Amino acid sequence: MKPADCYQILGLPRGASQKEIKNAYRKLSLKYHPDKNQTHSDGERFKQITEAYQVLRREEKSKEKASEKDVSDRYAQFWKKYDGSKMNEDFNFGPNFAGFKNPFGASAQENYSHFREKEASFKATHIILYGGLGLISLWIIISSILR
């Protein structure tokens, strides 16, 4: 089935949007559905409407895939342009950003670890752990008394 015939079957102008196509299909499929109409011609009309909708839907999906492929090709071309350039060499600082020059005057030459932690306080750990256990046991005792 040709797309031009599909637009005609759905009663739409050529180049209608996907939303218009979907709305026309729903309206016509409800009107000509075999469960609502018992005549043989309505069943045939319903099959034509469904086939026309599927053809137009496939056509739209193939256009979308083509546009997605175009975007991915352009993206690849962009990175090919910059992969071999000198620009990437300037930004390769190595470990600890040794070659980085901060425009605000800070020195990045010192070794800095993002994984610095405060020393663990065993006193605070024990208070939190045993305090929580004490509250849970108190709650259990009180709930058993109040039953």
Protein backbone atom coordinates (compact mmCIF):
# COMPACT_ATOMS: atom_id res chain seq x y z
CA MET A 1 0.00 0.00 0.00
CA LYS A 2 1.35 3.43 -0.95
CA PRO A 3 1.53 6.21 1.66
CA ALA A 4 -0.60 8.47 -0.57
CA ASP A 5 -3.39 5.88 -0.47
CA CYS A 6 -3.02 5.62 3.30
CA TYR A 7 -3.61 9.32 3.80
CA GLN A 8 -6.69 9.09 1.59
CA ILE A 9 -8.08 6.09 3.53
CA LEU A 10 -7.65 7.92 6.83
CA GLY A 11 -9.13 11.10 5.32
CA LEU A 12 -6.06 13.22 5.99
CA PRO A 13 -4.07 15.66 3.86
CA ARG A 14 -0.64 14.45 2.75
CA GLY A 15 2.05 15.34 5.27
CA ALA A 16 -0.24 15.26 8.33
CA SER A 17 1.47 15.08 11.71
CA GLN A 18 1.79 11.85 13.65
CA LYS A 19 -0.73 13.12 16.19
CA GLU A 20 -3.31 13.83 13.48
CA ILE A 21 -2.74 10.38 11.98
CA LYS A 22 -3.21 8.72 15.36
CA ASN A 23 -6.39 10.68 16.11
CA ALA A 24 -7.89 9.88 12.70
CA TYR A 25 -7.05 6.20 13.13
CA ARG A 26 -8.68 6.04 16.55
CA LYS A 27 -11.81 7.80 15.39
CA LEU A 28 -12.23 5.61 12.30
CA SER A 29 -11.33 2.37 14.07
CA LEU A 30 -14.00 3.01 16.69
CA LYS A 31 -16.52 3.77 13.97
CA TYR A 32 -15.79 0.71 11.80
CA HIS A 33 -14.75 -1.86 14.43
CA PRO A 34 -16.26 -5.31 13.75
CA ASP A 35 -17.49 -5.64 17.35
CA LYS A 36 -19.65 -2.54 16.95
CA ASN A 37 -20.80 -3.16 13.36
CA GLN A 38 -21.88 -6.54 12.06
CA THR A 39 -21.80 -5.74 8.34
CA HIS A 40 -19.09 -7.36 6.23
CA SER A 41 -18.10 -4.13 4.51
CA ASP A 42 -17.35 -2.43 7.82
CA GLY A 43 -14.95 -5.25 8.74
CA GLU A 44 -13.11 -4.81 5.46
CA ARG A 45 -13.00 -1.06 5.97
CA PHE A 46 -11.56 -1.60 9.46
CA LYS A 47 -8.77 -3.78 8.01
CA GLN A 48 -7.93 -1.08 5.44
CA ILE A 49 -7.81 1.60 8.15
CA THR A 50 -5.53 -0.52 10.35
CA GLU A 51 -3.19 -1.34 7.47
CA ALA A 52 -3.02 2.32 6.41
CA TYR A 53 -2.17 3.39 9.95
CA GLN A 54 0.57 0.76 10.24
CA VAL A 55 2.13 1.82 6.92
CA LEU A 56 2.20 5.48 7.95
CA ARG A 57 3.57 4.60 11.35
CA ARG A 58 6.39 2.52 9.83
CA GLU A 59 7.20 5.38 7.47
CA GLU A 60 7.45 7.83 10.38
CA LYS A 61 9.68 5.47 12.39
CA SER A 62 12.03 5.05 9.44
CA LYS A 63 12.31 8.85 9.17
CA GLU A 64 13.15 9.06 12.88
CA LYS A 65 15.82 6.36 12.52
CA ALA A 66 17.32 8.24 9.60
CA SER A 67 17.50 11.44 11.63
CA GLU A 68 19.07 9.57 14.59
CA LYS A 69 21.69 8.11 12.26
CA ASP A 70 22.41 11.60 10.89
CA VAL A 71 22.94 12.92 14.43
CA SER A 72 25.30 10.07 15.32
CA ASP A 73 27.28 10.64 12.10
CA ARG A 74 27.68 14.32 12.88
CA TYR A 75 28.74 13.50 16.43
CA ALA A 76 31.39 11.09 15.12
CA GLN A 77 32.65 13.71 12.65
CA PHE A 78 32.95 16.26 15.45
CA TRP A 79 35.15 13.98 17.54
CA LYS A 80 37.25 12.89 14.57
CA LYS A 81 38.09 16.53 14.01
CA TYR A 82 39.36 17.00 17.57
CA ASP A 83 40.91 13.58 18.23
CA GLY A 84 44.17 14.28 16.42
CA SER A 85 44.47 17.94 17.34
CA LYS A 86 47.03 19.49 19.66
CA MET A 87 44.20 20.72 21.87
CA ASN A 88 43.92 17.33 23.63
CA GLU A 89 47.61 17.27 24.45
CA ASP A 90 47.33 20.57 26.33
CA PHE A 91 44.66 19.14 28.60
CA ASN A 92 46.50 15.93 29.52
CA PHE A 93 47.90 16.89 32.93
CA GLY A 94 48.74 13.44 34.22
CA PRO A 95 48.19 12.35 37.80
CA ASN A 96 47.55 14.97 40.50
CA PHE A 97 47.07 17.72 37.88
CA ALA A 98 50.75 18.63 38.14
CA GLY A 99 50.72 20.85 35.06
CA PHE A 100 47.57 22.74 35.96
CA LYS A 101 47.92 26.49 36.39
CA ASN A 102 45.08 28.03 38.33
CA PRO A 103 44.19 31.54 37.11
CA PHE A 104 43.21 32.54 40.66
CA GLY A 105 46.68 32.07 42.12
CA ALA A 106 46.14 28.82 44.00
CA SER A 107 48.86 26.22 43.72
CA ALA A 108 47.86 22.78 42.48
CA GLN A 109 51.38 21.37 42.88
CA GLU A 110 50.70 19.89 46.32
CA ASN A 111 49.41 16.34 46.50
CA TYR A 112 45.79 16.37 47.48
CA SER A 113 43.61 13.37 48.09
CA HIS A 114 39.87 13.59 47.85
CA PHE A 115 39.65 10.64 50.19
CA ARG A 116 40.70 12.44 53.36
CA GLU A 117 38.60 11.41 56.33
CA LYS A 118 38.36 12.48 59.91
CA GLU A 119 39.89 10.07 62.35
CA ALA A 120 37.33 7.73 63.79
CA SER A 121 36.24 8.56 67.32
CA PHE A 122 35.69 5.30 69.14
CA LYS A 123 33.88 7.08 71.94
CA ALA A 124 31.24 8.53 69.55
CA THR A 125 30.91 5.21 67.75
CA HIS A 126 30.25 3.34 71.00
CA ILE A 127 27.75 5.94 72.23
CA ILE A 128 25.76 5.76 68.99
CA LEU A 129 25.89 1.95 68.76
CA TYR A 130 25.06 1.10 72.37
CA GLY A 131 22.66 4.02 72.76
CA GLY A 132 20.67 2.77 69.77
CA LEU A 133 20.64 -0.78 71.11
CA GLY A 134 19.53 0.50 74.51
CA LEU A 135 16.64 2.46 72.97
CA ILE A 136 15.50 -0.58 70.97
CA SER A 137 15.57 -2.83 74.06
CA LEU A 138 13.70 -0.17 76.08
CA TRP A 139 11.05 0.05 73.35
CA ILE A 140 10.62 -3.75 73.38
CA ILE A 141 10.26 -3.85 77.16
CA ILE A 142 7.74 -0.98 77.26
CA SER A 143 5.66 -2.39 74.39
CA SER A 144 5.49 -5.82 76.12
CA ILE A 145 4.38 -4.19 79.42
CA LEU A 146 1.64 -2.12 77.77
CA ARG A 147 0.02 -5.12 76.06
